[in-house]
Amino acid sequence: MSSTDAETIYERVAKLEDEIALLRNEVDVLKKALRNKIARHEVSMLKKGKDITSIID
């Protein structure tokens, strides 16, 4: 590996920060999807006349 191919610590940290941001976005999408699924399930249970307590505030 030549010195021109070497990655500086600052470049590596920047890449890792970008990866973290992407992962956080993916987690947010999954959380929203799960909340929607839970909400649909709660509505379904209410329509059936079942008493529910939401686990999401």
N, C-alpha and C. Protein backbone atom coordinates (compact mmCIF):
# COMPACT_ATOMS: atom_id res chain seq x y z
N MET A 1 0.85 -1.17 0.00
CA MET A 1 0.00 0.00 0.00
C MET A 1 0.90 1.23 0.00
N SER A 2 0.74 2.09 -0.99
CA SER A 2 1.57 3.29 -1.05
C SER A 2 0.95 4.37 -0.19
N SER A 3 1.71 5.41 0.04
CA SER A 3 1.22 6.50 0.88
C SER A 3 0.02 7.21 0.25
N THR A 4 -0.12 7.15 -1.07
CA THR A 4 -1.28 7.79 -1.71
C THR A 4 -2.53 6.93 -1.54
N ASP A 5 -2.36 5.63 -1.31
CA ASP A 5 -3.49 4.73 -1.11
C ASP A 5 -3.94 4.70 0.35
N ALA A 6 -3.07 5.11 1.23
CA ALA A 6 -3.37 5.04 2.65
C ALA A 6 -4.49 6.01 3.01
N GLU A 7 -5.34 5.54 3.88
CA GLU A 7 -6.46 6.35 4.34
C GLU A 7 -6.07 7.01 5.66
N THR A 8 -6.30 8.30 5.76
CA THR A 8 -5.99 8.96 7.02
C THR A 8 -7.03 8.58 8.06
N ILE A 9 -6.67 8.77 9.30
CA ILE A 9 -7.61 8.47 10.38
C ILE A 9 -8.85 9.35 10.26
N TYR A 10 -8.68 10.57 9.80
CA TYR A 10 -9.81 11.50 9.66
C TYR A 10 -10.77 11.05 8.56
N GLU A 11 -10.20 10.52 7.47
CA GLU A 11 -11.04 10.00 6.39
C GLU A 11 -11.80 8.76 6.86
N ARG A 12 -11.13 7.92 7.61
CA ARG A 12 -11.78 6.70 8.13
C ARG A 12 -12.90 7.05 9.09
N VAL A 13 -12.65 8.00 9.97
CA VAL A 13 -13.67 8.43 10.93
C VAL A 13 -14.87 9.02 10.17
N ALA A 14 -14.61 9.81 9.15
CA ALA A 14 -15.69 10.39 8.36
C ALA A 14 -16.53 9.30 7.70
N LYS A 15 -15.88 8.27 7.17
CA LYS A 15 -16.61 7.16 6.55
C LYS A 15 -17.45 6.42 7.59
N LEU A 16 -16.88 6.20 8.76
CA LEU A 16 -17.61 5.51 9.82
C LEU A 16 -18.81 6.34 10.29
N GLU A 17 -18.64 7.64 10.37
CA GLU A 17 -19.76 8.50 10.75
C GLU A 17 -20.88 8.43 9.72
N ASP A 18 -20.51 8.38 8.44
CA ASP A 18 -21.51 8.23 7.38
C ASP A 18 -22.25 6.90 7.51
N GLU A 19 -21.51 5.84 7.80
CA GLU A 19 -22.13 4.52 7.98
C GLU A 19 -23.08 4.52 9.16
N ILE A 20 -22.68 5.17 10.23
CA ILE A 20 -23.54 5.26 11.42
C ILE A 20 -24.82 6.01 11.08
N ALA A 21 -24.71 7.10 10.35
CA ALA A 21 -25.90 7.87 9.96
C ALA A 21 -26.85 7.02 9.12
N LEU A 22 -26.31 6.24 8.19
CA LEU A 22 -27.14 5.36 7.37
C LEU A 22 -27.84 4.30 8.23
N LEU A 23 -27.10 3.72 9.16
CA LEU A 23 -27.70 2.72 10.04
C LEU A 23 -28.79 3.32 10.91
N ARG A 24 -28.58 4.52 11.40
CA ARG A 24 -29.60 5.18 12.22
C ARG A 24 -30.87 5.42 11.40
N ASN A 25 -30.70 5.82 10.15
CA ASN A 25 -31.86 6.02 9.28
C ASN A 25 -32.61 4.71 9.07
N GLU A 26 -31.88 3.63 8.86
CA GLU A 26 -32.51 2.33 8.68
C GLU A 26 -33.28 1.92 9.93
N VAL A 27 -32.70 2.15 11.09
CA VAL A 27 -33.38 1.82 12.35
C VAL A 27 -34.65 2.65 12.49
N ASP A 28 -34.59 3.93 12.13
CA ASP A 28 -35.78 4.78 12.20
C ASP A 28 -36.90 4.25 11.29
N VAL A 29 -36.55 3.82 10.10
CA VAL A 29 -37.54 3.26 9.18
C VAL A 29 -38.17 2.00 9.78
N LEU A 30 -37.34 1.14 10.34
CA LEU A 30 -37.85 -0.09 10.95
C LEU A 30 -38.75 0.21 12.16
N LYS A 31 -38.37 1.19 12.97
CA LYS A 31 -39.18 1.56 14.12
C LYS A 31 -40.55 2.08 13.67
N LYS A 32 -40.57 2.92 12.63
CA LYS A 32 -41.84 3.44 12.13
C LYS A 32 -42.71 2.32 11.58
N ALA A 33 -42.11 1.39 10.87
CA ALA A 33 -42.85 0.26 10.32
C ALA A 33 -43.45 -0.58 11.45
N LEU A 34 -42.68 -0.81 12.49
CA LEU A 34 -43.17 -1.60 13.62
C LEU A 34 -44.31 -0.86 14.33
N ARG A 35 -44.16 0.44 14.51
CA ARG A 35 -45.23 1.22 15.14
C ARG A 35 -46.51 1.14 14.31
N ASN A 36 -46.38 1.23 12.99
CA ASN A 36 -47.56 1.14 12.12
C ASN A 36 -48.21 -0.24 12.25
N LYS A 37 -47.39 -1.28 12.29
CA LYS A 37 -47.91 -2.64 12.43
C LYS A 37 -48.65 -2.80 13.75
N ILE A 38 -48.07 -2.28 14.81
CA ILE A 38 -48.70 -2.37 16.13
C ILE A 38 -50.01 -1.59 16.13
N ALA A 39 -50.00 -0.39 15.55
CA ALA A 39 -51.21 0.43 15.50
C ALA A 39 -52.31 -0.29 14.72
N ARG A 40 -51.97 -0.91 13.60
CA ARG A 40 -52.98 -1.65 12.83
C ARG A 40 -53.53 -2.81 13.65
N HIS A 41 -52.66 -3.48 14.38
CA HIS A 41 -53.10 -4.59 15.22
C HIS A 41 -54.03 -4.07 16.32
N GLU A 42 -53.70 -2.95 16.93
CA GLU A 42 -54.55 -2.39 17.98
C GLU A 42 -55.91 -2.02 17.43
N VAL A 43 -55.96 -1.41 16.25
CA VAL A 43 -57.24 -1.06 15.64
C VAL A 43 -58.06 -2.32 15.38
N SER A 44 -57.40 -3.35 14.89
CA SER A 44 -58.07 -4.62 14.64
C SER A 44 -58.66 -5.20 15.92
N MET A 45 -57.90 -5.15 16.99
CA MET A 45 -58.38 -5.67 18.27
C MET A 45 -59.54 -4.85 18.80
N LEU A 46 -59.49 -3.54 18.65
CA LEU A 46 -60.58 -2.67 19.10
C LEU A 46 -61.85 -2.96 18.32
N LYS A 47 -61.71 -3.18 17.01
CA LYS A 47 -62.88 -3.50 16.18
C LYS A 47 -63.53 -4.81 16.62
N LYS A 48 -62.73 -5.71 17.16
CA LYS A 48 -63.24 -6.99 17.65
C LYS A 48 -63.81 -6.85 19.07
N GLY A 49 -63.72 -5.64 19.63
CA GLY A 49 -64.26 -5.40 20.96
C GLY A 49 -63.34 -5.79 22.09
N LYS A 50 -62.10 -6.01 21.79
CA LYS A 50 -61.14 -6.40 22.84
C LYS A 50 -60.52 -5.16 23.45
N ASP A 51 -60.33 -5.19 24.75
CA ASP A 51 -59.69 -4.08 25.45
C ASP A 51 -58.18 -4.22 25.28
N ILE A 52 -57.55 -3.13 24.92
CA ILE A 52 -56.10 -3.17 24.73
C ILE A 52 -55.46 -2.03 25.50
N THR A 53 -54.19 -2.22 25.78
CA THR A 53 -53.38 -1.18 26.35
C THR A 53 -52.19 -0.99 25.40
N SER A 54 -52.02 0.22 24.90
CA SER A 54 -50.94 0.48 23.95
C SER A 54 -49.59 0.37 24.64
N ILE A 55 -48.64 -0.23 23.93
CA ILE A 55 -47.28 -0.31 24.47
C ILE A 55 -46.41 0.81 23.92
N ILE A 56 -46.99 1.60 23.02
CA ILE A 56 -46.26 2.73 22.43
C ILE A 56 -46.94 4.02 22.83
N ASP A 57 -46.17 4.94 23.32
CA ASP A 57 -46.72 6.26 23.69
C ASP A 57 -46.65 7.20 22.53
